[in-house]
Amino acid sequence: MTLLIDFLCRFSCGLAVALCLTSAALVPGGFFRVNMLVLLGLATFASLLAWTVSLGMVGWLMGVTAVVAWVGSVLWYADRRRDGLLCCGVAAGLSGLATVAAANPDVGAVTLRLLSGLLLGLTINAMLLGHWYLNAPGMQVGALRRSIDQTLVVWAILVLAVLASVGWQFAGNHLPASSWLERLGQAAAAAAAGSETSLDQTGVALLWLRWLAGLVGLPVLLVMSRKTLDIPNTQSATGILYVACLAVILGELTAQLLLATPSVERPEAHMAVAAGTRGTP
């Protein structure tokens, strides 16, 4: 349940930020209104779930986010663009605080979770924007190009953060292995699991799925969609973005499951904890 709440909070934050980054001059107000209603549903669901597991702070923050999203949808319906964008920003801030409060408050973990949510929000926002061309065929294609480019930038930042975590684990002395390839695999597993652990078979499968779908496959799909717009063919580009949405959701959910998957603690990790010498990134 906590994993679902965390996912909904980070998704809500990412979607709200994506709306703030979408050009209101190029995109009709109806797009923002519909997405604010989507945000309303996500925030309401997250708030109700948070109250069932006694996460009061998260419940309050997401409840207020839902109210702000509803007010924002009304403002966008009235074509109050500046006030509507302000509601998007407030919703992003509130859901971001809820993301911080939902799980591990460590700075590194919070940064990765916020980046994860932003990648989710931008990818799905790009897909919804591509779908909106069916309602507004005269809308400039540049709006969708810009959205895809923003998604690629956030993907690159997230990958750098993940690789930095892997590099930290790889350079540590707590990863004994006979070859650099084995050490690299152990480092990727430790970074994904968030601790000095050896993943079991399920964890290894999730690790491969995380990298292949969320970190390697996603940019390929985004670039394909971006190239398709050069034809231009917004319908085909949107179809590719549908697949990209599946990839990013699968990748980010798998990353969350890696934190909860059973793992085997190595004896030296226990010794380091007992001695108070276990380092953190």
Protein backbone atom coordinates (compact mmCIF):
# COMPACT_ATOMS: atom_id res chain seq x y z
CA MET A 1 0.00 0.00 0.00
CA THR A 2 2.81 2.40 0.88
CA LEU A 3 4.46 1.75 -2.49
CA LEU A 4 1.24 2.70 -4.29
CA ILE A 5 0.87 5.87 -2.25
CA ASP A 6 4.48 6.83 -2.99
CA PHE A 7 3.91 6.17 -6.70
CA LEU A 8 0.73 8.28 -6.78
CA CYS A 9 2.44 11.15 -4.94
CA ARG A 10 5.45 11.27 -7.23
CA PHE A 11 3.26 10.83 -10.33
CA SER A 12 1.03 13.71 -9.21
CA CYS A 13 4.05 15.92 -8.61
CA GLY A 14 5.55 15.09 -12.00
CA LEU A 15 2.29 15.68 -13.86
CA ALA A 16 1.77 19.05 -12.16
CA VAL A 17 5.33 20.15 -13.01
CA ALA A 18 4.82 18.97 -16.61
CA LEU A 19 1.73 21.18 -16.87
CA CYS A 20 3.77 24.13 -15.60
CA LEU A 21 6.35 23.46 -18.33
CA THR A 22 3.73 23.16 -21.09
CA SER A 23 3.34 26.34 -23.12
CA ALA A 24 -0.08 27.88 -22.47
CA ALA A 25 0.45 30.05 -25.56
CA LEU A 26 0.66 27.04 -27.89
CA VAL A 27 -1.71 24.61 -26.17
CA PRO A 28 -5.47 25.22 -25.67
CA GLY A 29 -6.79 25.67 -22.14
CA GLY A 30 -8.93 22.54 -22.48
CA PHE A 31 -5.80 20.38 -22.32
CA PHE A 32 -4.82 21.88 -18.96
CA ARG A 33 -8.38 21.58 -17.63
CA VAL A 34 -8.60 17.87 -18.45
CA ASN A 35 -5.17 17.15 -16.94
CA MET A 36 -6.05 19.05 -13.78
CA LEU A 37 -9.03 16.70 -13.46
CA VAL A 38 -6.63 13.76 -13.90
CA LEU A 39 -4.49 15.26 -11.15
CA LEU A 40 -7.62 15.64 -9.02
CA GLY A 41 -8.28 11.90 -9.32
CA LEU A 42 -4.69 10.93 -8.54
CA ALA A 43 -4.48 13.21 -5.51
CA THR A 44 -7.85 12.10 -4.14
CA PHE A 45 -6.94 8.42 -4.47
CA ALA A 46 -3.55 9.00 -2.82
CA SER A 47 -5.15 10.96 0.03
CA LEU A 48 -7.75 8.26 0.76
CA LEU A 49 -5.11 5.52 0.71
CA ALA A 50 -2.80 7.55 2.96
CA TRP A 51 -5.49 7.93 5.61
CA THR A 52 -6.12 4.16 5.61
CA VAL A 53 -2.49 3.48 6.59
CA SER A 54 -2.23 6.37 9.07
CA LEU A 55 -0.04 8.61 6.90
CA GLY A 56 -1.80 11.74 8.13
CA MET A 57 0.63 14.29 6.72
CA VAL A 58 0.57 12.71 3.27
CA GLY A 59 -3.22 12.47 3.44
CA TRP A 60 -3.59 16.17 4.25
CA LEU A 61 -1.10 17.30 1.62
CA MET A 62 -2.68 15.22 -1.14
CA GLY A 63 -6.16 16.24 0.00
CA VAL A 64 -5.25 19.91 -0.37
CA THR A 65 -3.62 19.06 -3.71
CA ALA A 66 -6.95 17.61 -4.87
CA VAL A 67 -8.78 20.81 -3.87
CA VAL A 68 -6.20 22.98 -5.67
CA ALA A 69 -6.49 20.77 -8.77
CA TRP A 70 -10.28 21.16 -8.76
CA VAL A 71 -10.00 24.95 -8.43
CA GLY A 72 -7.42 24.93 -11.22
CA SER A 73 -9.73 23.00 -13.53
CA VAL A 74 -12.46 25.61 -12.97
CA LEU A 75 -10.00 28.43 -13.67
CA TRP A 76 -8.83 26.77 -16.89
CA TYR A 77 -12.47 26.29 -17.91
CA ALA A 78 -12.91 30.05 -17.45
CA ASP A 79 -9.69 30.59 -19.47
CA ARG A 80 -7.92 32.23 -16.50
CA ARG A 81 -4.53 31.07 -17.70
CA ARG A 82 -2.28 32.86 -15.22
CA ASP A 83 -4.34 31.73 -12.23
CA GLY A 84 -4.59 28.24 -13.71
CA LEU A 85 -0.81 27.97 -14.03
CA LEU A 86 -0.48 29.20 -10.45
CA CYS A 87 -2.71 26.33 -9.32
CA CYS A 88 -0.49 23.93 -11.28
CA GLY A 89 2.57 25.26 -9.43
CA VAL A 90 0.89 25.03 -6.02
CA ALA A 91 -0.25 21.48 -6.75
CA ALA A 92 3.31 20.57 -7.79
CA GLY A 93 4.71 21.95 -4.53
CA LEU A 94 2.14 20.21 -2.31
CA SER A 95 2.48 16.84 -4.04
CA GLY A 96 6.27 17.22 -3.94
CA LEU A 97 6.11 17.65 -0.16
CA ALA A 98 3.84 14.61 0.03
CA THR A 99 6.42 12.62 -1.97
CA VAL A 100 9.09 13.59 0.54
CA ALA A 101 6.86 12.63 3.47
CA ALA A 102 5.66 9.34 1.95
CA ALA A 103 8.89 7.35 2.30
CA ASN A 104 12.61 7.53 3.09
CA PRO A 105 13.53 11.18 3.86
CA ASP A 106 17.21 10.69 2.88
CA VAL A 107 18.34 13.46 0.52
CA GLY A 108 19.63 11.08 -2.16
CA ALA A 109 16.50 8.92 -2.04
CA VAL A 110 14.21 11.96 -2.18
CA THR A 111 16.09 13.36 -5.18
CA LEU A 112 15.76 10.09 -7.11
CA ARG A 113 12.07 9.81 -6.25
CA LEU A 114 11.33 13.37 -7.38
CA LEU A 115 13.24 12.79 -10.62
CA SER A 116 11.34 9.53 -11.08
CA GLY A 117 8.03 11.33 -10.64
CA LEU A 118 9.07 14.08 -13.02
CA LEU A 119 10.00 11.51 -15.68
CA LEU A 120 6.64 9.81 -15.22
CA GLY A 121 4.73 13.06 -15.40
CA LEU A 122 6.54 14.42 -18.45
CA THR A 123 6.25 11.16 -20.42
CA ILE A 124 2.54 10.79 -19.78
CA ASN A 125 1.96 14.51 -20.33
CA ALA A 126 3.66 14.19 -23.74
CA MET A 127 1.41 11.25 -24.63
CA LEU A 128 -1.72 13.16 -23.57
CA LEU A 129 -0.52 16.20 -25.50
CA GLY A 130 -0.04 14.08 -28.62
CA HIS A 131 -3.54 12.71 -28.16
CA TRP A 132 -4.89 16.25 -27.88
CA TYR A 133 -3.98 16.86 -31.53
CA LEU A 134 -7.10 14.82 -32.35
CA ASN A 135 -9.15 17.55 -30.65
CA ALA A 136 -7.06 20.45 -31.95
CA PRO A 137 -5.49 19.38 -35.27
CA GLY A 138 -4.37 22.95 -35.97
CA MET A 139 -2.17 23.07 -32.86
CA GLN A 140 1.52 23.64 -33.57
CA VAL A 141 3.68 20.50 -33.55
CA GLY A 142 6.40 22.43 -31.73
CA ALA A 143 4.53 22.03 -28.46
CA LEU A 144 4.86 18.23 -28.60
CA ARG A 145 8.50 18.42 -29.73
CA ARG A 146 9.28 20.62 -26.75
CA SER A 147 7.51 18.22 -24.37
CA ILE A 148 9.50 15.24 -25.68
CA ASP A 149 12.76 17.19 -25.43
CA GLN A 150 12.00 18.05 -21.80
CA THR A 151 11.36 14.38 -21.08
CA LEU A 152 14.69 13.40 -22.62
CA VAL A 153 16.51 16.00 -20.49
CA VAL A 154 14.96 14.66 -17.27
CA TRP A 155 15.74 11.07 -18.36
CA ALA A 156 19.40 12.04 -18.84
CA ILE A 157 19.55 13.64 -15.38
CA LEU A 158 17.96 10.58 -13.78
CA VAL A 159 20.37 8.23 -15.55
CA LEU A 160 23.33 10.31 -14.39
CA ALA A 161 22.03 10.15 -10.82
CA VAL A 162 21.57 6.37 -11.03
CA LEU A 163 25.03 5.88 -12.57
CA ALA A 164 26.55 8.07 -9.85
CA SER A 165 24.94 5.81 -7.25
CA VAL A 166 26.25 2.71 -9.06
CA GLY A 167 29.71 4.28 -9.28
CA TRP A 168 29.70 5.00 -5.56
CA GLN A 169 28.83 1.40 -4.78
CA PHE A 170 31.37 0.10 -7.33
CA ALA A 171 34.19 2.15 -5.80
CA GLY A 172 33.38 1.00 -2.26
CA ASN A 173 35.40 -1.67 -0.51
CA HIS A 174 32.22 -3.46 0.61
CA LEU A 175 31.70 -5.16 -2.78
CA PRO A 176 34.05 -8.17 -2.81
CA ALA A 177 34.27 -9.90 -6.20
CA SER A 178 36.96 -11.58 -8.24
CA SER A 179 36.42 -9.49 -11.39
CA TRP A 180 35.42 -5.94 -12.25
CA LEU A 181 32.35 -7.28 -14.11
CA GLU A 182 31.08 -9.05 -11.01
CA ARG A 183 31.74 -5.96 -8.92
CA LEU A 184 29.82 -3.84 -11.43
CA GLY A 185 26.84 -6.19 -11.25
CA GLN A 186 26.94 -6.13 -7.45
CA ALA A 187 27.17 -2.34 -7.52
CA ALA A 188 24.12 -2.01 -9.78
CA ALA A 189 22.17 -4.33 -7.49
CA ALA A 190 23.24 -2.50 -4.34
CA ALA A 191 22.41 0.89 -5.82
CA ALA A 192 19.01 -0.32 -7.01
CA ALA A 193 18.16 -1.92 -3.68
CA GLY A 194 19.38 1.06 -1.73
CA SER A 195 21.64 -0.96 0.57
CA GLU A 196 24.59 -3.29 0.69
CA THR A 197 22.67 -6.42 -0.27
CA SER A 198 22.77 -9.29 -2.70
CA LEU A 199 19.51 -9.55 -4.62
CA ASP A 200 17.79 -12.91 -4.99
CA GLN A 201 16.58 -14.25 -8.35
CA THR A 202 13.44 -12.12 -8.25
CA GLY A 203 15.49 -9.04 -7.48
CA VAL A 204 17.89 -9.74 -10.35
CA ALA A 205 14.95 -10.12 -12.75
CA LEU A 206 13.49 -6.83 -11.53
CA LEU A 207 16.89 -5.19 -11.91
CA TRP A 208 17.12 -6.22 -15.56
CA LEU A 209 13.54 -5.05 -16.16
CA ARG A 210 14.29 -1.73 -14.51
CA TRP A 211 17.30 -1.03 -16.72
CA LEU A 212 15.93 -2.40 -19.99
CA ALA A 213 12.48 -0.80 -19.79
CA GLY A 214 12.92 2.35 -17.75
CA LEU A 215 16.48 3.46 -18.46
CA VAL A 216 17.44 2.00 -21.86
CA GLY A 217 14.20 1.43 -23.74
CA LEU A 218 12.50 4.70 -22.84
CA PRO A 219 14.91 7.10 -24.64
CA VAL A 220 14.80 4.92 -27.76
CA LEU A 221 11.02 5.29 -27.87
CA LEU A 222 11.19 9.02 -27.18
CA VAL A 223 13.70 9.60 -29.97
CA MET A 224 11.58 7.51 -32.35
CA SER A 225 8.57 9.64 -31.49
CA ARG A 226 10.60 12.82 -31.93
CA LYS A 227 11.79 11.69 -35.38
CA THR A 228 8.25 10.76 -36.38
CA LEU A 229 7.19 14.35 -35.78
CA ASP A 230 9.63 15.44 -38.49
CA ILE A 231 7.43 13.75 -41.12
CA PRO A 232 5.15 15.16 -39.52
CA ASN A 233 2.78 12.46 -38.24
CA THR A 234 1.38 13.23 -34.81
CA GLN A 235 -0.81 10.12 -34.67
CA SER A 236 2.11 7.73 -35.16
CA ALA A 237 4.22 9.75 -32.71
CA THR A 238 1.44 9.50 -30.14
CA GLY A 239 1.22 5.75 -30.67
CA ILE A 240 4.94 5.44 -29.88
CA LEU A 241 4.43 7.62 -26.81
CA TYR A 242 1.78 5.17 -25.59
CA VAL A 243 4.46 2.48 -25.55
CA ALA A 244 6.87 4.93 -23.87
CA CYS A 245 4.30 5.44 -21.10
CA LEU A 246 4.15 1.69 -20.51
CA ALA A 247 7.95 1.54 -20.41
CA VAL A 248 8.35 4.38 -17.92
CA ILE A 249 5.58 3.10 -15.63
CA LEU A 250 7.05 -0.40 -15.72
CA GLY A 251 10.57 0.91 -15.10
CA GLU A 252 9.69 3.19 -12.20
CA LEU A 253 7.37 0.69 -10.52
CA THR A 254 10.12 -1.91 -10.82
CA ALA A 255 12.54 0.51 -9.16
CA GLN A 256 10.13 0.80 -6.25
CA LEU A 257 9.70 -2.96 -6.02
CA LEU A 258 13.49 -3.38 -5.89
CA LEU A 259 13.47 -1.50 -2.60
CA ALA A 260 10.94 -3.98 -1.21
CA THR A 261 12.16 -7.21 -2.78
CA PRO A 262 13.71 -9.82 -0.44
CA SER A 263 17.49 -9.62 -0.30
CA VAL A 264 20.35 -11.38 1.46
CA GLU A 265 22.54 -9.27 3.71
CA ARG A 266 26.24 -10.04 3.42
CA PRO A 267 28.11 -10.75 6.70
CA GLU A 268 30.54 -7.89 6.13
CA ALA A 269 27.59 -5.49 5.86
CA HIS A 270 26.43 -6.57 9.34
CA MET A 271 29.96 -6.11 10.69
CA ALA A 272 30.16 -2.62 9.19
CA VAL A 273 26.86 -1.65 10.76
CA ALA A 274 27.96 -2.98 14.14
CA ALA A 275 31.22 -1.07 13.92
CA GLY A 276 29.45 2.10 12.80
CA THR A 277 31.57 2.34 9.64
CA ARG A 278 28.97 1.72 6.94
CA GLY A 279 29.10 4.63 4.51
CA THR A 280 26.24 6.23 2.66
CA PRO A 281 26.32 8.18 -0.62
